[in-house]
Amino acid sequence: MKIEIFIMEKKVEAYLYAHIPITQAMGIKVELATPQKVILFAPLANNINHKKTVFGGSLHAVATLACWSLLYIHLHNEPFQIVITKSEVSYDAPVSEDFRAECEFPKKEEWDRFIKILKIRGKGRIRLFAKIYQKGKLCVDYHATFAVI
């Protein structure tokens, strides 16, 4: 199981680097990539702003990519495109060190409804959430709707 997880982490990271080149410049690393959860790491040094904290756009981007990556894990063998259609983010506290964005699998009934609609219509939408903590404190609360077409 650990080898399969490692392979998926490397596969997701390679895809991000090849198809979304800014991810490499941001220093993003895939720490965990399972069907249940994605954790992306990014260093402060690559994402620092004038206040010596993480740039808000970087926080938003890494949260978006964590959610996108969770969908990619589930759908990479299917002929669909994953696109973000709407996002909302709350910046509750500054992030002043290397950080991780975590996206967990949605509730089973939400996922099942999404898959059912995807099979019937050939497209669907799902809402995903990502969180960024620092020292146990929630700093970024992210919500987004993704379309799969």
N, C-alpha and C. Protein backbone atom coordinates (compact mmCIF):
# COMPACT_ATOMS: atom_id res chain seq x y z
N MET A 1 0.82 -1.20 0.00
CA MET A 1 0.00 0.00 0.00
C MET A 1 0.87 1.26 0.00
N LYS A 2 1.94 1.28 0.80
CA LYS A 2 2.82 2.45 0.85
C LYS A 2 3.45 2.73 -0.52
N ILE A 3 3.80 1.70 -1.24
CA ILE A 3 4.40 1.88 -2.56
C ILE A 3 3.37 2.48 -3.52
N GLU A 4 2.12 2.00 -3.47
CA GLU A 4 1.07 2.55 -4.33
C GLU A 4 0.83 4.03 -4.02
N ILE A 5 0.82 4.39 -2.75
CA ILE A 5 0.63 5.79 -2.36
C ILE A 5 1.79 6.62 -2.88
N PHE A 6 3.01 6.13 -2.71
CA PHE A 6 4.19 6.84 -3.19
C PHE A 6 4.11 7.05 -4.70
N ILE A 7 3.69 6.02 -5.42
CA ILE A 7 3.57 6.13 -6.88
C ILE A 7 2.53 7.19 -7.24
N MET A 8 1.39 7.21 -6.55
CA MET A 8 0.35 8.20 -6.85
C MET A 8 0.85 9.61 -6.51
N GLU A 9 1.56 9.75 -5.41
CA GLU A 9 2.11 11.07 -5.06
C GLU A 9 3.04 11.57 -6.16
N LYS A 10 3.92 10.70 -6.63
CA LYS A 10 4.86 11.08 -7.70
C LYS A 10 4.12 11.35 -9.00
N LYS A 11 3.08 10.57 -9.29
CA LYS A 11 2.30 10.77 -10.51
C LYS A 11 1.59 12.12 -10.49
N VAL A 12 0.96 12.46 -9.38
CA VAL A 12 0.27 13.75 -9.26
C VAL A 12 1.28 14.89 -9.37
N GLU A 13 2.38 14.78 -8.66
CA GLU A 13 3.40 15.83 -8.69
C GLU A 13 3.95 16.02 -10.11
N ALA A 14 4.24 14.94 -10.80
CA ALA A 14 4.75 15.03 -12.17
C ALA A 14 3.73 15.68 -13.09
N TYR A 15 2.46 15.33 -12.91
CA TYR A 15 1.41 15.93 -13.74
C TYR A 15 1.33 17.44 -13.48
N LEU A 16 1.33 17.83 -12.22
CA LEU A 16 1.27 19.25 -11.88
C LEU A 16 2.45 20.00 -12.50
N TYR A 17 3.64 19.48 -12.34
CA TYR A 17 4.84 20.15 -12.88
C TYR A 17 4.78 20.27 -14.40
N ALA A 18 4.29 19.23 -15.06
CA ALA A 18 4.25 19.23 -16.53
C ALA A 18 3.14 20.11 -17.10
N HIS A 19 2.00 20.16 -16.42
CA HIS A 19 0.83 20.82 -16.98
C HIS A 19 0.47 22.15 -16.32
N ILE A 20 0.99 22.37 -15.13
CA ILE A 20 0.77 23.64 -14.41
C ILE A 20 2.15 24.07 -13.90
N PRO A 21 3.00 24.58 -14.78
CA PRO A 21 4.41 24.83 -14.46
C PRO A 21 4.66 25.71 -13.24
N ILE A 22 3.74 26.61 -12.92
CA ILE A 22 3.96 27.47 -11.76
C ILE A 22 4.08 26.65 -10.47
N THR A 23 3.54 25.45 -10.46
CA THR A 23 3.61 24.61 -9.25
C THR A 23 5.05 24.30 -8.88
N GLN A 24 5.90 24.13 -9.87
CA GLN A 24 7.31 23.86 -9.59
C GLN A 24 7.99 25.11 -9.05
N ALA A 25 7.69 26.27 -9.63
CA ALA A 25 8.28 27.52 -9.14
C ALA A 25 7.83 27.82 -7.71
N MET A 26 6.61 27.42 -7.37
CA MET A 26 6.09 27.63 -6.02
C MET A 26 6.69 26.64 -5.02
N GLY A 27 7.39 25.63 -5.52
CA GLY A 27 8.01 24.63 -4.65
C GLY A 27 7.02 23.61 -4.10
N ILE A 28 5.90 23.45 -4.77
CA ILE A 28 4.87 22.53 -4.28
C ILE A 28 5.35 21.09 -4.37
N LYS A 29 5.13 20.36 -3.30
CA LYS A 29 5.43 18.93 -3.23
C LYS A 29 4.16 18.21 -2.79
N VAL A 30 3.90 17.06 -3.38
CA VAL A 30 2.76 16.25 -2.98
C VAL A 30 3.22 15.36 -1.83
N GLU A 31 2.74 15.64 -0.64
CA GLU A 31 3.13 14.84 0.54
C GLU A 31 2.26 13.61 0.70
N LEU A 32 0.98 13.73 0.34
CA LEU A 32 0.05 12.61 0.46
C LEU A 32 -0.94 12.70 -0.68
N ALA A 33 -1.17 11.58 -1.34
CA ALA A 33 -2.13 11.53 -2.44
C ALA A 33 -2.83 10.18 -2.39
N THR A 34 -3.95 10.15 -1.72
CA THR A 34 -4.77 8.95 -1.63
C THR A 34 -6.18 9.30 -2.10
N PRO A 35 -7.01 8.31 -2.36
CA PRO A 35 -8.39 8.62 -2.73
C PRO A 35 -9.16 9.33 -1.61
N GLN A 36 -8.67 9.26 -0.38
CA GLN A 36 -9.35 9.88 0.75
C GLN A 36 -8.84 11.28 1.09
N LYS A 37 -7.57 11.56 0.76
CA LYS A 37 -6.99 12.83 1.20
C LYS A 37 -5.77 13.20 0.36
N VAL A 38 -5.64 14.51 0.14
CA VAL A 38 -4.45 15.06 -0.52
C VAL A 38 -3.85 16.11 0.39
N ILE A 39 -2.54 16.05 0.55
CA ILE A 39 -1.81 17.10 1.28
C ILE A 39 -0.71 17.61 0.36
N LEU A 40 -0.75 18.91 0.09
CA LEU A 40 0.30 19.56 -0.68
C LEU A 40 1.12 20.45 0.24
N PHE A 41 2.42 20.40 0.09
CA PHE A 41 3.36 21.21 0.86
C PHE A 41 3.90 22.33 -0.04
N ALA A 42 4.10 23.51 0.54
CA ALA A 42 4.77 24.60 -0.18
C ALA A 42 5.63 25.38 0.80
N PRO A 43 6.84 25.75 0.39
CA PRO A 43 7.74 26.48 1.28
C PRO A 43 7.44 27.98 1.31
N LEU A 44 7.65 28.56 2.46
CA LEU A 44 7.50 30.01 2.61
C LEU A 44 8.41 30.74 1.63
N ALA A 45 9.65 30.30 1.50
CA ALA A 45 10.65 31.02 0.69
C ALA A 45 10.18 31.28 -0.74
N ASN A 46 9.48 30.34 -1.34
CA ASN A 46 9.01 30.50 -2.72
C ASN A 46 7.72 31.31 -2.82
N ASN A 47 7.07 31.55 -1.70
CA ASN A 47 5.74 32.15 -1.70
C ASN A 47 5.62 33.35 -0.77
N ILE A 48 6.74 33.94 -0.44
CA ILE A 48 6.79 35.02 0.56
C ILE A 48 6.30 36.35 -0.03
N ASN A 49 5.70 37.16 0.82
CA ASN A 49 5.27 38.50 0.39
C ASN A 49 6.08 39.57 1.13
N HIS A 50 5.69 40.81 0.95
CA HIS A 50 6.40 41.94 1.55
C HIS A 50 6.29 41.99 3.07
N LYS A 51 5.37 41.24 3.66
CA LYS A 51 5.20 41.18 5.11
C LYS A 51 5.93 39.99 5.73
N LYS A 52 6.67 39.27 4.89
CA LYS A 52 7.41 38.07 5.31
C LYS A 52 6.47 36.94 5.76
N THR A 53 5.26 36.97 5.19
CA THR A 53 4.31 35.88 5.36
C THR A 53 4.00 35.32 3.97
N VAL A 54 3.20 34.26 3.93
CA VAL A 54 2.87 33.66 2.64
C VAL A 54 1.90 34.57 1.89
N PHE A 55 2.19 34.80 0.63
CA PHE A 55 1.34 35.57 -0.26
C PHE A 55 -0.05 34.92 -0.34
N GLY A 56 -1.09 35.73 -0.21
CA GLY A 56 -2.46 35.21 -0.23
C GLY A 56 -2.78 34.44 -1.49
N GLY A 57 -2.27 34.90 -2.63
CA GLY A 57 -2.50 34.19 -3.88
C GLY A 57 -1.90 32.80 -3.88
N SER A 58 -0.78 32.64 -3.21
CA SER A 58 -0.16 31.31 -3.09
C SER A 58 -1.01 30.39 -2.24
N LEU A 59 -1.53 30.91 -1.14
CA LEU A 59 -2.40 30.11 -0.28
C LEU A 59 -3.62 29.63 -1.07
N HIS A 60 -4.21 30.55 -1.82
CA HIS A 60 -5.38 30.23 -2.63
C HIS A 60 -5.03 29.19 -3.69
N ALA A 61 -3.90 29.38 -4.36
CA ALA A 61 -3.48 28.46 -5.42
C ALA A 61 -3.23 27.05 -4.88
N VAL A 62 -2.54 26.94 -3.76
CA VAL A 62 -2.21 25.61 -3.22
C VAL A 62 -3.48 24.92 -2.73
N ALA A 63 -4.40 25.66 -2.14
CA ALA A 63 -5.68 25.07 -1.73
C ALA A 63 -6.45 24.57 -2.95
N THR A 64 -6.48 25.38 -4.00
CA THR A 64 -7.15 24.97 -5.25
C THR A 64 -6.53 23.70 -5.79
N LEU A 65 -5.22 23.66 -5.82
CA LEU A 65 -4.51 22.49 -6.36
C LEU A 65 -4.72 21.24 -5.51
N ALA A 66 -4.85 21.39 -4.21
CA ALA A 66 -5.13 20.22 -3.35
C ALA A 66 -6.48 19.61 -3.72
N CYS A 67 -7.48 20.47 -3.88
CA CYS A 67 -8.81 19.97 -4.26
C CYS A 67 -8.79 19.38 -5.66
N TRP A 68 -8.18 20.08 -6.59
CA TRP A 68 -8.08 19.60 -7.97
C TRP A 68 -7.39 18.23 -8.00
N SER A 69 -6.34 18.09 -7.21
CA SER A 69 -5.58 16.84 -7.19
C SER A 69 -6.41 15.67 -6.67
N LEU A 70 -7.28 15.93 -5.70
CA LEU A 70 -8.14 14.86 -5.19
C LEU A 70 -9.06 14.36 -6.31
N LEU A 71 -9.61 15.28 -7.08
CA LEU A 71 -10.44 14.87 -8.22
C LEU A 71 -9.60 14.14 -9.27
N TYR A 72 -8.41 14.62 -9.52
CA TYR A 72 -7.52 13.98 -10.48
C TYR A 72 -7.25 12.52 -10.09
N ILE A 73 -7.01 12.27 -8.83
CA ILE A 73 -6.76 10.90 -8.36
C ILE A 73 -7.92 9.99 -8.71
N HIS A 74 -9.13 10.48 -8.54
CA HIS A 74 -10.31 9.66 -8.81
C HIS A 74 -10.65 9.55 -10.30
N LEU A 75 -10.29 10.55 -11.09
CA LEU A 75 -10.78 10.61 -12.47
C LEU A 75 -9.68 10.56 -13.54
N HIS A 76 -8.42 10.35 -13.16
CA HIS A 76 -7.33 10.45 -14.15
C HIS A 76 -7.41 9.43 -15.27
N ASN A 77 -8.12 8.34 -15.06
CA ASN A 77 -8.26 7.34 -16.12
C ASN A 77 -9.51 7.55 -16.96
N GLU A 78 -10.25 8.60 -16.68
CA GLU A 78 -11.48 8.91 -17.41
C GLU A 78 -11.22 10.05 -18.39
N PRO A 79 -12.08 10.19 -19.42
CA PRO A 79 -11.84 11.22 -20.45
C PRO A 79 -12.40 12.60 -20.08
N PHE A 80 -12.35 12.97 -18.82
CA PHE A 80 -12.93 14.23 -18.37
C PHE A 80 -11.86 15.29 -18.13
N GLN A 81 -12.29 16.53 -18.19
CA GLN A 81 -11.48 17.68 -17.81
C GLN A 81 -12.01 18.19 -16.48
N ILE A 82 -11.12 18.60 -15.59
CA ILE A 82 -11.49 19.14 -14.28
C ILE A 82 -11.20 20.63 -14.30
N VAL A 83 -12.22 21.44 -14.06
CA VAL A 83 -12.03 22.89 -14.03
C VAL A 83 -12.71 23.49 -12.80
N ILE A 84 -12.10 24.51 -12.27
CA ILE A 84 -12.70 25.22 -11.14
C ILE A 84 -13.68 26.24 -11.70
N THR A 85 -14.85 26.33 -11.07
CA THR A 85 -15.85 27.29 -11.54
C THR A 85 -16.13 28.40 -10.53
N LYS A 86 -15.84 28.12 -9.26
CA LYS A 86 -16.10 29.12 -8.23
C LYS A 86 -15.27 28.77 -7.00
N SER A 87 -14.75 29.80 -6.34
CA SER A 87 -14.03 29.54 -5.09
C SER A 87 -14.26 30.69 -4.12
N GLU A 88 -14.13 30.34 -2.87
CA GLU A 88 -14.26 31.31 -1.79
C GLU A 88 -13.23 30.95 -0.73
N VAL A 89 -12.55 31.96 -0.23
CA VAL A 89 -11.50 31.69 0.75
C VAL A 89 -11.60 32.69 1.89
N SER A 90 -11.39 32.19 3.10
CA SER A 90 -11.29 33.05 4.28
C SER A 90 -9.87 32.96 4.80
N TYR A 91 -9.23 34.11 4.89
CA TYR A 91 -7.88 34.19 5.44
C TYR A 91 -8.03 34.60 6.90
N ASP A 92 -8.01 33.62 7.78
CA ASP A 92 -8.28 33.87 9.20
C ASP A 92 -7.06 34.31 9.98
N ALA A 93 -5.88 33.98 9.49
CA ALA A 93 -4.62 34.37 10.16
C ALA A 93 -3.50 34.27 9.14
N PRO A 94 -2.47 35.10 9.28
CA PRO A 94 -1.34 35.00 8.35
C PRO A 94 -0.58 33.69 8.55
N VAL A 95 0.05 33.24 7.49
CA VAL A 95 0.88 32.04 7.53
C VAL A 95 2.32 32.51 7.37
N SER A 96 3.15 32.19 8.36
CA SER A 96 4.51 32.72 8.38
C SER A 96 5.59 31.65 8.32
N GLU A 97 5.23 30.48 7.82
CA GLU A 97 6.20 29.39 7.69
C GLU A 97 5.78 28.49 6.54
N ASP A 98 6.59 27.48 6.24
CA ASP A 98 6.21 26.50 5.24
C ASP A 98 4.81 26.00 5.59
N PHE A 99 4.03 25.63 4.58
CA PHE A 99 2.63 25.28 4.88
C PHE A 99 2.15 24.09 4.06
N ARG A 100 1.01 23.56 4.49
CA ARG A 100 0.37 22.43 3.83
C ARG A 100 -1.10 22.74 3.63
N ALA A 101 -1.61 22.42 2.45
CA ALA A 101 -3.04 22.50 2.18
C ALA A 101 -3.57 21.08 2.16
N GLU A 102 -4.67 20.87 2.88
CA GLU A 102 -5.26 19.53 3.00
C GLU A 102 -6.67 19.54 2.43
N CYS A 103 -6.95 18.58 1.57
CA CYS A 103 -8.30 18.38 1.04
C CYS A 103 -8.70 16.95 1.33
N GLU A 104 -9.86 16.80 1.96
CA GLU A 104 -10.37 15.47 2.28
C GLU A 104 -11.53 15.12 1.36
N PHE A 105 -11.69 13.83 1.15
CA PHE A 105 -12.78 13.30 0.33
C PHE A 105 -14.11 13.82 0.88
N PRO A 106 -15.03 14.21 -0.01
CA PRO A 106 -16.32 14.73 0.46
C PRO A 106 -17.18 13.62 1.08
N LYS A 107 -18.30 14.02 1.63
CA LYS A 107 -19.24 13.04 2.19
C LYS A 107 -19.65 12.06 1.09
N LYS A 108 -19.81 10.80 1.49
CA LYS A 108 -20.12 9.74 0.53
C LYS A 108 -21.35 10.06 -0.30
N GLU A 109 -22.40 10.57 0.33
CA GLU A 109 -23.62 10.85 -0.43
C GLU A 109 -23.42 11.96 -1.46
N GLU A 110 -22.57 12.94 -1.16
CA GLU A 110 -22.26 14.00 -2.14
C GLU A 110 -21.48 13.42 -3.32
N TRP A 111 -20.50 12.58 -3.01
CA TRP A 111 -19.70 11.97 -4.07
C TRP A 111 -20.57 11.06 -4.94
N ASP A 112 -21.41 10.24 -4.30
CA ASP A 112 -22.27 9.33 -5.05
C ASP A 112 -23.21 10.10 -5.97
N ARG A 113 -23.77 11.21 -5.50
CA ARG A 113 -24.65 12.05 -6.32
C ARG A 113 -23.87 12.62 -7.51
N PHE A 114 -22.66 13.10 -7.25
CA PHE A 114 -21.80 13.65 -8.30
C PHE A 114 -21.52 12.60 -9.37
N ILE A 115 -21.12 11.41 -8.96
CA ILE A 115 -20.80 10.34 -9.91
C ILE A 115 -22.03 9.93 -10.70
N LYS A 116 -23.18 9.85 -10.06
CA LYS A 116 -24.42 9.49 -10.74
C LYS A 116 -24.74 10.50 -11.85
N ILE A 117 -24.66 11.78 -11.53
CA ILE A 117 -24.92 12.83 -12.52
C ILE A 117 -23.87 12.80 -13.62
N LEU A 118 -22.63 12.58 -13.25
CA LEU A 118 -21.54 12.50 -14.23
C LEU A 118 -21.79 11.37 -15.23
N LYS A 119 -22.25 10.23 -14.74
CA LYS A 119 -22.53 9.09 -15.62
C LYS A 119 -23.73 9.36 -16.53
N ILE A 120 -24.75 10.01 -15.99
CA ILE A 120 -25.97 10.27 -16.77
C ILE A 120 -25.75 11.38 -17.79
N ARG A 121 -25.17 12.49 -17.36
CA ARG A 121 -25.06 13.69 -18.21
C ARG A 121 -23.70 13.85 -18.89
N GLY A 122 -22.72 13.11 -18.42
CA GLY A 122 -21.39 13.27 -18.99
C GLY A 122 -20.66 14.49 -18.45
N LYS A 123 -21.22 15.10 -17.44
CA LYS A 123 -20.61 16.25 -16.76
C LYS A 123 -21.24 16.37 -15.38
N GLY A 124 -20.54 17.06 -14.49
CA GLY A 124 -21.06 17.23 -13.14
C GLY A 124 -20.28 18.28 -12.38
N ARG A 125 -20.81 18.64 -11.23
CA ARG A 125 -20.16 19.62 -10.35
C ARG A 125 -20.08 19.05 -8.94
N ILE A 126 -19.01 19.43 -8.27
CA ILE A 126 -18.86 19.01 -6.87
C ILE A 126 -18.14 20.11 -6.10
N ARG A 127 -18.53 20.25 -4.85
CA ARG A 127 -17.93 21.25 -3.97
C ARG A 127 -16.91 20.55 -3.07
N LEU A 128 -15.71 21.11 -3.02
CA LEU A 128 -14.64 20.55 -2.19
C LEU A 128 -14.10 21.62 -1.25
N PHE A 129 -13.42 21.17 -0.22
CA PHE A 129 -12.92 22.06 0.82
C PHE A 129 -11.45 21.78 1.08
N ALA A 130 -10.71 22.82 1.37
CA ALA A 130 -9.30 22.67 1.76
C ALA A 130 -9.04 23.55 2.97
N LYS A 131 -8.11 23.13 3.79
CA LYS A 131 -7.74 23.87 5.00
C LYS A 131 -6.23 24.01 5.04
N ILE A 132 -5.80 25.14 5.60
CA ILE A 132 -4.38 25.36 5.86
C ILE A 132 -4.24 25.77 7.31
N TYR A 133 -3.45 25.00 8.05
CA TYR A 133 -3.23 25.25 9.48
C TYR A 133 -1.79 25.68 9.71
N GLN A 134 -1.59 26.39 10.79
CA GLN A 134 -0.24 26.69 11.27
C GLN A 134 -0.26 26.50 12.78
N LYS A 135 0.58 25.60 13.25
CA LYS A 135 0.67 25.29 14.68
C LYS A 135 -0.71 24.98 15.27
N GLY A 136 -1.50 24.20 14.54
CA GLY A 136 -2.80 23.76 15.01
C GLY A 136 -3.92 24.77 14.85
N LYS A 137 -3.62 25.95 14.37
CA LYS A 137 -4.63 27.00 14.21
C LYS A 137 -5.04 27.09 12.73
N LEU A 138 -6.36 27.12 12.49
CA LEU A 138 -6.85 27.27 11.13
C LEU A 138 -6.52 28.67 10.62
N CYS A 139 -5.78 28.74 9.54
CA CYS A 139 -5.40 30.03 8.95
C CYS A 139 -6.15 30.32 7.66
N VAL A 140 -6.43 29.28 6.88
CA VAL A 140 -7.11 29.45 5.61
C VAL A 140 -8.20 28.39 5.49
N ASP A 141 -9.41 28.87 5.20
CA ASP A 141 -10.57 28.00 5.00
C ASP A 141 -11.05 28.24 3.57
N TYR A 142 -10.97 27.21 2.74
CA TYR A 142 -11.19 27.33 1.30
C TYR A 142 -12.34 26.43 0.86
N HIS A 143 -13.20 26.95 0.02
CA HIS A 143 -14.32 26.19 -0.56
C HIS A 143 -14.34 26.45 -2.06
N ALA A 144 -14.56 25.42 -2.84
CA ALA A 144 -14.61 25.63 -4.29
C ALA A 144 -15.56 24.64 -4.94
N THR A 145 -16.11 25.06 -6.06
CA THR A 145 -16.92 24.19 -6.89
C THR A 145 -16.10 23.87 -8.14
N PHE A 146 -16.02 22.59 -8.43
CA PHE A 146 -15.30 22.12 -9.61
C PHE A 146 -16.30 21.50 -10.57
N ALA A 147 -16.12 21.78 -11.84
CA ALA A 147 -16.91 21.14 -12.89
C ALA A 147 -16.04 20.08 -13.54
N VAL A 148 -16.65 18.97 -13.82
CA VAL A 148 -15.98 17.90 -14.55
C VAL A 148 -16.76 17.75 -15.85
N ILE A 149 -16.05 17.97 -16.95
CA ILE A 149 -16.73 17.99 -18.26
C ILE A 149 -16.03 17.06 -19.25
